[in-house]
Amino acid sequence: MNPYKMQQRCAPSFHKGKIILAADAAHVCNPFGGLGLTGGIADVGSLYDCLLGIHKGLADDSIIEKYSQVRMQIYKDVIDPMSRDNFRRISQQDPDEAGEKDEFFQLCKKAAIDEDFSKEMCMVGFVLRFSSFQPTDTVNPRD
């Protein structure tokens, strides 16, 4: 057995020719915090919107390149830094003191007693979601 080595990698593009990457095929995160899974689900949702737009004739193939650019930027600006912070949070501080000293844990404690702040914290996850293609009211995903 070997100790876990933190992996934080992102493909140079999520789109090349007829190949489209999403989730773990596109980016890898350490397993602390669930951002690989959450980011992957957001990738798939955005890709679905793009493919639906192409299928319905509301977008052309160039939307896939936009998907690649936007999802890569979200990985670099949001997922990667948060994932690295989660790893540091559990590996570089005394667990007996973390609850009192760590800023994130302090925010969690505040959310436990402040309902408005709790709702605000829940909205933070929406920053991972971006729909490259915005379906109109005339598009029904079940069609």
Protein backbone atom coordinates (compact mmCIF):
# COMPACT_ATOMS: atom_id res chain seq x y z
CA MET A 1 0.00 0.00 0.00
CA ASN A 2 1.06 3.54 -0.68
CA PRO A 3 -0.18 6.70 1.02
CA TYR A 4 -2.69 8.72 -0.98
CA LYS A 5 -1.07 11.32 -3.19
CA MET A 6 -3.29 14.32 -3.81
CA GLN A 7 -4.37 14.55 -7.44
CA GLN A 8 -5.62 17.83 -8.86
CA ARG A 9 -5.63 17.77 -12.64
CA CYS A 10 -7.65 19.25 -15.47
CA ALA A 11 -7.57 18.29 -19.13
CA PRO A 12 -6.26 21.04 -21.44
CA SER A 13 -9.63 20.97 -23.21
CA PHE A 14 -12.92 19.16 -22.66
CA HIS A 15 -13.55 19.00 -26.40
CA LYS A 16 -11.48 17.75 -29.32
CA GLY A 17 -13.15 16.74 -32.57
CA LYS A 18 -15.93 14.28 -31.78
CA ILE A 19 -14.68 13.65 -28.23
CA ILE A 20 -16.25 15.49 -25.28
CA LEU A 21 -15.01 15.07 -21.72
CA ALA A 22 -17.01 15.47 -18.53
CA ALA A 23 -16.63 14.65 -14.84
CA ASP A 24 -13.60 12.52 -13.87
CA ALA A 25 -12.54 12.20 -17.52
CA ALA A 26 -12.19 15.99 -17.64
CA HIS A 27 -10.86 16.82 -14.18
CA VAL A 28 -9.68 15.00 -11.08
CA CYS A 29 -9.95 16.23 -7.50
CA ASN A 30 -8.83 14.81 -4.21
CA PRO A 31 -11.67 12.90 -2.52
CA PHE A 32 -12.07 15.28 0.42
CA GLY A 33 -15.16 17.43 0.03
CA GLY A 34 -17.06 15.81 -2.83
CA LEU A 35 -16.17 18.46 -5.37
CA GLY A 36 -15.13 15.94 -8.01
CA LEU A 37 -18.56 14.33 -7.88
CA THR A 38 -20.44 17.62 -7.61
CA GLY A 39 -18.40 19.22 -10.40
CA GLY A 40 -18.93 16.13 -12.55
CA ILE A 41 -22.69 16.28 -12.09
CA ALA A 42 -22.62 19.97 -13.03
CA ASP A 43 -20.52 19.10 -16.13
CA VAL A 44 -23.04 16.51 -17.25
CA GLY A 45 -25.97 18.87 -16.67
CA SER A 46 -24.32 21.59 -18.75
CA LEU A 47 -23.36 19.13 -21.48
CA TYR A 48 -26.93 17.82 -21.57
CA ASP A 49 -28.23 21.36 -22.11
CA CYS A 50 -25.77 21.86 -24.97
CA LEU A 51 -26.61 18.56 -26.66
CA LEU A 52 -30.34 19.24 -26.25
CA GLY A 53 -29.89 22.62 -27.91
CA ILE A 54 -28.07 21.02 -30.85
CA HIS A 55 -30.69 18.28 -31.13
CA LYS A 56 -33.55 20.81 -31.12
CA GLY A 57 -31.80 22.99 -33.72
CA LEU A 58 -31.48 25.87 -31.27
CA ALA A 59 -27.67 25.80 -31.17
CA ASP A 60 -24.89 24.65 -33.45
CA ASP A 61 -21.83 22.53 -32.66
CA SER A 62 -19.87 25.59 -31.49
CA ILE A 63 -21.77 25.41 -28.20
CA ILE A 64 -19.64 22.38 -27.28
CA GLU A 65 -16.49 24.53 -27.36
CA LYS A 66 -18.27 27.06 -25.14
CA TYR A 67 -19.12 24.19 -22.76
CA SER A 68 -15.42 23.25 -22.67
CA GLN A 69 -14.27 26.80 -21.95
CA VAL A 70 -16.85 27.51 -19.25
CA ARG A 71 -16.50 24.19 -17.42
CA MET A 72 -12.68 24.47 -17.44
CA GLN A 73 -12.92 27.99 -16.00
CA ILE A 74 -15.26 26.82 -13.23
CA TYR A 75 -12.80 24.03 -12.40
CA LYS A 76 -9.88 26.46 -12.25
CA ASP A 77 -11.68 29.26 -10.39
CA VAL A 78 -13.95 27.32 -8.02
CA ILE A 79 -13.55 23.55 -7.83
CA ASP A 80 -9.75 23.28 -7.71
CA PRO A 81 -9.20 25.98 -5.04
CA MET A 82 -12.05 24.69 -2.84
CA SER A 83 -10.86 21.10 -3.22
CA ARG A 84 -7.30 22.04 -2.27
CA ASP A 85 -8.62 23.97 0.75
CA ASN A 86 -10.59 20.91 1.88
CA PHE A 87 -7.47 18.75 1.68
CA ARG A 88 -5.43 21.29 3.65
CA ARG A 89 -8.23 21.60 6.20
CA ILE A 90 -8.01 17.93 7.14
CA SER A 91 -4.30 17.36 6.67
CA GLN A 92 -2.57 20.46 8.01
CA GLN A 93 -4.24 21.29 11.29
CA ASP A 94 -4.82 19.73 14.65
CA PRO A 95 -8.26 18.07 14.55
CA ASP A 96 -8.84 18.97 18.21
CA GLU A 97 -8.44 22.67 17.40
CA ALA A 98 -9.95 22.80 13.91
CA GLY A 99 -13.50 23.39 15.11
CA GLU A 100 -12.42 26.54 16.89
CA LYS A 101 -9.72 27.88 14.56
CA ASP A 102 -10.81 26.95 11.02
CA GLU A 103 -12.80 29.69 9.27
CA PHE A 104 -14.95 27.21 7.30
CA PHE A 105 -15.96 25.31 10.43
CA GLN A 106 -16.83 28.62 12.08
CA LEU A 107 -19.13 29.40 9.14
CA CYS A 108 -20.77 25.98 9.54
CA LYS A 109 -21.41 26.67 13.21
CA LYS A 110 -22.96 30.03 12.33
CA ALA A 111 -25.19 28.37 9.73
CA ALA A 112 -26.40 25.90 12.37
CA ILE A 113 -27.93 28.74 14.42
CA ASP A 114 -28.71 31.39 11.77
CA GLU A 115 -31.39 30.25 9.30
CA ASP A 116 -30.82 33.12 6.83
CA PHE A 117 -27.07 32.52 6.78
CA SER A 118 -27.70 28.79 6.36
CA LYS A 119 -29.78 29.47 3.24
CA GLU A 120 -27.05 31.76 1.93
CA MET A 121 -24.42 29.04 2.42
CA CYS A 122 -26.59 26.53 0.55
CA MET A 123 -26.67 28.86 -2.45
CA VAL A 124 -22.87 28.75 -2.74
CA GLY A 125 -23.13 25.37 -4.50
CA PHE A 126 -24.95 26.99 -7.41
CA VAL A 127 -21.69 28.64 -8.48
CA LEU A 128 -20.68 25.22 -9.85
CA ARG A 129 -23.68 25.15 -12.16
CA PHE A 130 -23.56 26.93 -15.46
CA SER A 131 -25.72 26.14 -18.40
CA SER A 132 -23.92 26.95 -21.64
CA PHE A 133 -27.23 26.51 -23.42
CA GLN A 134 -30.30 28.12 -21.90
CA PRO A 135 -33.39 26.25 -23.14
CA THR A 136 -36.34 28.45 -23.97
CA ASP A 137 -39.90 27.81 -22.81
CA THR A 138 -40.54 26.01 -26.10
CA VAL A 139 -37.95 23.33 -25.35
CA ASN A 140 -39.18 20.37 -23.35
CA PRO A 141 -36.32 18.08 -22.28
CA ARG A 142 -38.70 15.12 -22.36
CA ASP A 143 -39.42 15.56 -26.11
